[in-house]
Amino acid sequence: MSAPLQPLGDYVVAVGEEAENKTASGLYLPDKAQEKPKTAKVVAAGPNAKQVKVGDRIVYKSYSTTEVKIGKNEYILVKEEDVLATVK
């Protein structure tokens, strides 16, 4: 998936991953009880992003993002410094 956004500086554009809707014991959670996902897949990276690249799965600070909806897709813009880790 390519992003219709080209991030500037050290921003990255990512697509959030779905939150779990079932607990470990098998109970289904209503939408309001689900925690917002804090992991995402990077679909574009700005020219100054040094450690994060397209295709990486990242863990990010949830309060420091900008959410953008273009068409039916939702994207998350986050500064590289607010990316906490990559997921292997």
N, C-alpha and C. Protein backbone atom coordinates (compact mmCIF):
# COMPACT_ATOMS: atom_id res chain seq x y z
N MET A 1 0.86 -1.18 0.00
CA MET A 1 0.00 0.00 0.00
C MET A 1 0.90 1.23 0.00
N SER A 2 0.69 2.12 -0.93
CA SER A 2 1.43 3.37 -0.93
C SER A 2 0.53 4.47 -0.38
N ALA A 3 1.14 5.46 0.22
CA ALA A 3 0.38 6.53 0.86
C ALA A 3 0.20 7.68 -0.12
N PRO A 4 -0.97 8.31 -0.11
CA PRO A 4 -1.18 9.49 -0.94
C PRO A 4 -0.55 10.73 -0.30
N LEU A 5 0.12 10.55 0.83
CA LEU A 5 0.78 11.64 1.54
C LEU A 5 2.28 11.46 1.44
N GLN A 6 3.02 12.54 1.21
CA GLN A 6 4.47 12.49 1.25
C GLN A 6 4.90 13.30 2.47
N PRO A 7 5.37 12.63 3.53
CA PRO A 7 5.74 13.35 4.75
C PRO A 7 7.00 14.20 4.55
N LEU A 8 7.06 15.27 5.30
CA LEU A 8 8.20 16.18 5.26
C LEU A 8 9.08 15.95 6.49
N GLY A 9 10.32 16.38 6.41
CA GLY A 9 11.22 16.30 7.55
C GLY A 9 11.38 14.88 8.05
N ASP A 10 11.21 14.71 9.38
CA ASP A 10 11.38 13.38 9.97
C ASP A 10 10.04 12.74 10.34
N TYR A 11 8.97 13.14 9.66
CA TYR A 11 7.66 12.52 9.90
C TYR A 11 7.56 11.22 9.12
N VAL A 12 6.74 10.31 9.65
CA VAL A 12 6.42 9.08 8.93
C VAL A 12 4.91 8.96 8.85
N VAL A 13 4.43 8.33 7.78
CA VAL A 13 3.01 8.06 7.59
C VAL A 13 2.83 6.56 7.82
N ALA A 14 1.86 6.22 8.66
CA ALA A 14 1.64 4.81 8.99
C ALA A 14 0.15 4.51 8.98
N VAL A 15 -0.16 3.23 8.89
CA VAL A 15 -1.54 2.75 8.96
C VAL A 15 -1.66 1.96 10.25
N GLY A 16 -2.61 2.37 11.11
CA GLY A 16 -2.79 1.70 12.40
C GLY A 16 -3.27 0.27 12.23
N GLU A 17 -2.83 -0.59 13.15
CA GLU A 17 -3.26 -1.98 13.12
C GLU A 17 -4.51 -2.14 13.96
N GLU A 18 -5.30 -3.13 13.63
CA GLU A 18 -6.56 -3.38 14.32
C GLU A 18 -6.32 -3.77 15.77
N ALA A 19 -7.16 -3.24 16.66
CA ALA A 19 -7.09 -3.62 18.07
C ALA A 19 -7.72 -4.99 18.25
N GLU A 20 -7.24 -5.71 19.24
CA GLU A 20 -7.80 -7.02 19.54
C GLU A 20 -9.23 -6.84 20.02
N ASN A 21 -10.14 -7.66 19.51
CA ASN A 21 -11.53 -7.56 19.95
C ASN A 21 -11.94 -8.74 20.82
N LYS A 22 -10.93 -9.56 21.20
CA LYS A 22 -11.20 -10.70 22.04
C LYS A 22 -10.10 -10.82 23.08
N THR A 23 -10.47 -11.10 24.32
CA THR A 23 -9.48 -11.26 25.39
C THR A 23 -8.84 -12.64 25.28
N ALA A 24 -7.79 -12.86 26.07
CA ALA A 24 -7.11 -14.15 26.07
C ALA A 24 -8.03 -15.27 26.52
N SER A 25 -9.01 -14.95 27.35
CA SER A 25 -9.94 -15.97 27.83
C SER A 25 -11.11 -16.21 26.88
N GLY A 26 -11.16 -15.46 25.76
CA GLY A 26 -12.18 -15.69 24.75
C GLY A 26 -13.38 -14.75 24.80
N LEU A 27 -13.37 -13.75 25.70
CA LEU A 27 -14.47 -12.80 25.77
C LEU A 27 -14.31 -11.74 24.70
N TYR A 28 -15.42 -11.40 24.04
CA TYR A 28 -15.38 -10.34 23.03
C TYR A 28 -15.58 -8.99 23.70
N LEU A 29 -14.79 -8.00 23.26
CA LEU A 29 -14.86 -6.65 23.81
C LEU A 29 -15.69 -5.75 22.92
N PRO A 30 -16.55 -4.90 23.51
CA PRO A 30 -17.25 -3.91 22.69
C PRO A 30 -16.26 -2.86 22.19
N ASP A 31 -16.61 -2.16 21.12
CA ASP A 31 -15.71 -1.18 20.52
C ASP A 31 -15.20 -0.15 21.52
N LYS A 32 -16.05 0.33 22.40
CA LYS A 32 -15.64 1.37 23.35
C LYS A 32 -14.64 0.86 24.38
N ALA A 33 -14.63 -0.42 24.66
CA ALA A 33 -13.72 -0.99 25.65
C ALA A 33 -12.37 -1.34 25.05
N GLN A 34 -12.27 -1.33 23.73
CA GLN A 34 -11.01 -1.69 23.09
C GLN A 34 -10.03 -0.54 23.19
N GLU A 35 -8.79 -0.89 23.44
CA GLU A 35 -7.74 0.11 23.49
C GLU A 35 -7.35 0.47 22.07
N LYS A 36 -7.07 1.76 21.82
CA LYS A 36 -6.63 2.17 20.49
C LYS A 36 -5.29 1.52 20.19
N PRO A 37 -5.09 1.10 18.95
CA PRO A 37 -3.82 0.45 18.62
C PRO A 37 -2.66 1.43 18.75
N LYS A 38 -1.56 0.96 19.25
CA LYS A 38 -0.37 1.77 19.37
C LYS A 38 0.75 1.21 18.50
N THR A 39 0.35 0.31 17.60
CA THR A 39 1.28 -0.21 16.61
C THR A 39 0.73 0.11 15.23
N ALA A 40 1.63 0.29 14.30
CA ALA A 40 1.22 0.65 12.94
C ALA A 40 2.29 0.20 11.96
N LYS A 41 1.91 0.15 10.69
CA LYS A 41 2.85 -0.19 9.62
C LYS A 41 3.19 1.07 8.84
N VAL A 42 4.47 1.36 8.68
CA VAL A 42 4.93 2.56 7.98
C VAL A 42 4.72 2.39 6.48
N VAL A 43 4.04 3.36 5.86
CA VAL A 43 3.81 3.33 4.41
C VAL A 43 4.57 4.43 3.67
N ALA A 44 5.10 5.42 4.41
CA ALA A 44 5.92 6.47 3.80
C ALA A 44 6.78 7.10 4.89
N ALA A 45 7.97 7.52 4.53
CA ALA A 45 8.88 8.16 5.49
C ALA A 45 9.45 9.42 4.86
N GLY A 46 9.58 10.46 5.68
CA GLY A 46 10.14 11.72 5.21
C GLY A 46 11.63 11.60 4.91
N PRO A 47 12.19 12.58 4.22
CA PRO A 47 13.60 12.52 3.81
C PRO A 47 14.58 12.55 4.98
N ASN A 48 14.18 13.06 6.13
CA ASN A 48 15.08 13.13 7.28
C ASN A 48 14.89 11.99 8.27
N ALA A 49 14.00 11.06 7.99
CA ALA A 49 13.80 9.90 8.87
C ALA A 49 15.00 8.97 8.70
N LYS A 50 15.71 8.71 9.80
CA LYS A 50 16.95 7.95 9.70
C LYS A 50 16.80 6.49 10.12
N GLN A 51 15.96 6.21 11.12
CA GLN A 51 15.90 4.85 11.66
C GLN A 51 14.65 4.08 11.28
N VAL A 52 13.66 4.75 10.74
CA VAL A 52 12.40 4.10 10.37
C VAL A 52 12.27 4.13 8.85
N LYS A 53 11.89 2.98 8.28
CA LYS A 53 11.75 2.92 6.82
C LYS A 53 10.40 2.30 6.46
N VAL A 54 10.02 2.44 5.23
CA VAL A 54 8.75 1.90 4.73
C VAL A 54 8.74 0.39 4.95
N GLY A 55 7.61 -0.10 5.46
CA GLY A 55 7.46 -1.53 5.72
C GLY A 55 7.68 -1.91 7.17
N ASP A 56 8.32 -1.04 7.95
CA ASP A 56 8.54 -1.31 9.38
C ASP A 56 7.22 -1.29 10.13
N ARG A 57 7.11 -2.15 11.16
CA ARG A 57 6.00 -2.06 12.11
C ARG A 57 6.55 -1.31 13.31
N ILE A 58 5.82 -0.29 13.76
CA ILE A 58 6.33 0.58 14.82
C ILE A 58 5.38 0.62 16.02
N VAL A 59 5.95 0.96 17.17
CA VAL A 59 5.20 1.28 18.38
C VAL A 59 5.43 2.77 18.59
N TYR A 60 4.35 3.53 18.82
CA TYR A 60 4.47 4.97 18.90
C TYR A 60 3.72 5.53 20.10
N LYS A 61 4.06 6.77 20.47
CA LYS A 61 3.34 7.48 21.53
C LYS A 61 1.98 7.87 20.98
N SER A 62 0.92 7.41 21.62
CA SER A 62 -0.42 7.61 21.06
C SER A 62 -0.90 9.05 21.12
N TYR A 63 -0.41 9.85 22.04
CA TYR A 63 -0.89 11.23 22.16
C TYR A 63 -0.21 12.19 21.21
N SER A 64 0.80 11.74 20.49
CA SER A 64 1.59 12.66 19.67
C SER A 64 1.37 12.47 18.17
N THR A 65 0.23 11.92 17.79
CA THR A 65 -0.01 11.66 16.37
C THR A 65 -1.04 12.62 15.79
N THR A 66 -1.04 12.70 14.48
CA THR A 66 -2.07 13.41 13.74
C THR A 66 -2.74 12.38 12.85
N GLU A 67 -4.05 12.28 12.96
CA GLU A 67 -4.79 11.31 12.15
C GLU A 67 -5.42 12.02 10.95
N VAL A 68 -5.27 11.40 9.78
CA VAL A 68 -5.79 11.96 8.54
C VAL A 68 -6.57 10.88 7.82
N LYS A 69 -7.75 11.23 7.33
CA LYS A 69 -8.55 10.28 6.55
C LYS A 69 -8.61 10.79 5.12
N ILE A 70 -8.17 9.95 4.19
CA ILE A 70 -8.21 10.28 2.78
C ILE A 70 -8.97 9.15 2.09
N GLY A 71 -10.13 9.48 1.57
CA GLY A 71 -11.00 8.46 0.99
C GLY A 71 -11.49 7.54 2.09
N LYS A 72 -11.30 6.25 1.91
CA LYS A 72 -11.71 5.27 2.91
C LYS A 72 -10.58 4.88 3.86
N ASN A 73 -9.38 5.37 3.59
CA ASN A 73 -8.20 4.99 4.38
C ASN A 73 -7.87 6.03 5.44
N GLU A 74 -7.45 5.54 6.60
CA GLU A 74 -7.00 6.42 7.68
C GLU A 74 -5.50 6.26 7.85
N TYR A 75 -4.81 7.38 7.97
CA TYR A 75 -3.37 7.40 8.12
C TYR A 75 -3.00 8.11 9.41
N ILE A 76 -1.84 7.75 9.94
CA ILE A 76 -1.32 8.37 11.15
C ILE A 76 0.00 9.03 10.78
N LEU A 77 0.15 10.31 11.12
CA LEU A 77 1.42 11.00 10.94
C LEU A 77 2.07 11.12 12.31
N VAL A 78 3.31 10.68 12.41
CA VAL A 78 4.02 10.72 13.68
C VAL A 78 5.48 11.11 13.42
N LYS A 79 6.04 11.93 14.31
CA LYS A 79 7.45 12.30 14.19
C LYS A 79 8.30 11.10 14.54
N GLU A 80 9.43 10.98 13.88
CA GLU A 80 10.30 9.84 14.14
C GLU A 80 10.73 9.80 15.61
N GLU A 81 10.90 10.93 16.25
CA GLU A 81 11.30 10.94 17.66
C GLU A 81 10.22 10.39 18.58
N ASP A 82 8.97 10.33 18.12
CA ASP A 82 7.88 9.77 18.91
C ASP A 82 7.64 8.29 18.64
N VAL A 83 8.45 7.71 17.77
CA VAL A 83 8.43 6.26 17.56
C VAL A 83 9.28 5.64 18.65
N LEU A 84 8.68 4.74 19.41
CA LEU A 84 9.36 4.14 20.56
C LEU A 84 10.18 2.91 20.18
N ALA A 85 9.69 2.13 19.20
CA ALA A 85 10.39 0.90 18.83
C ALA A 85 9.86 0.40 17.50
N THR A 86 10.63 -0.49 16.90
CA THR A 86 10.14 -1.23 15.74
C THR A 86 9.87 -2.65 16.20
N VAL A 87 8.88 -3.29 15.58
CA VAL A 87 8.48 -4.65 15.94
C VAL A 87 9.06 -5.60 14.91
N LYS A 88 9.71 -6.64 15.37
CA LYS A 88 10.33 -7.62 14.45
C LYS A 88 9.40 -8.76 14.19
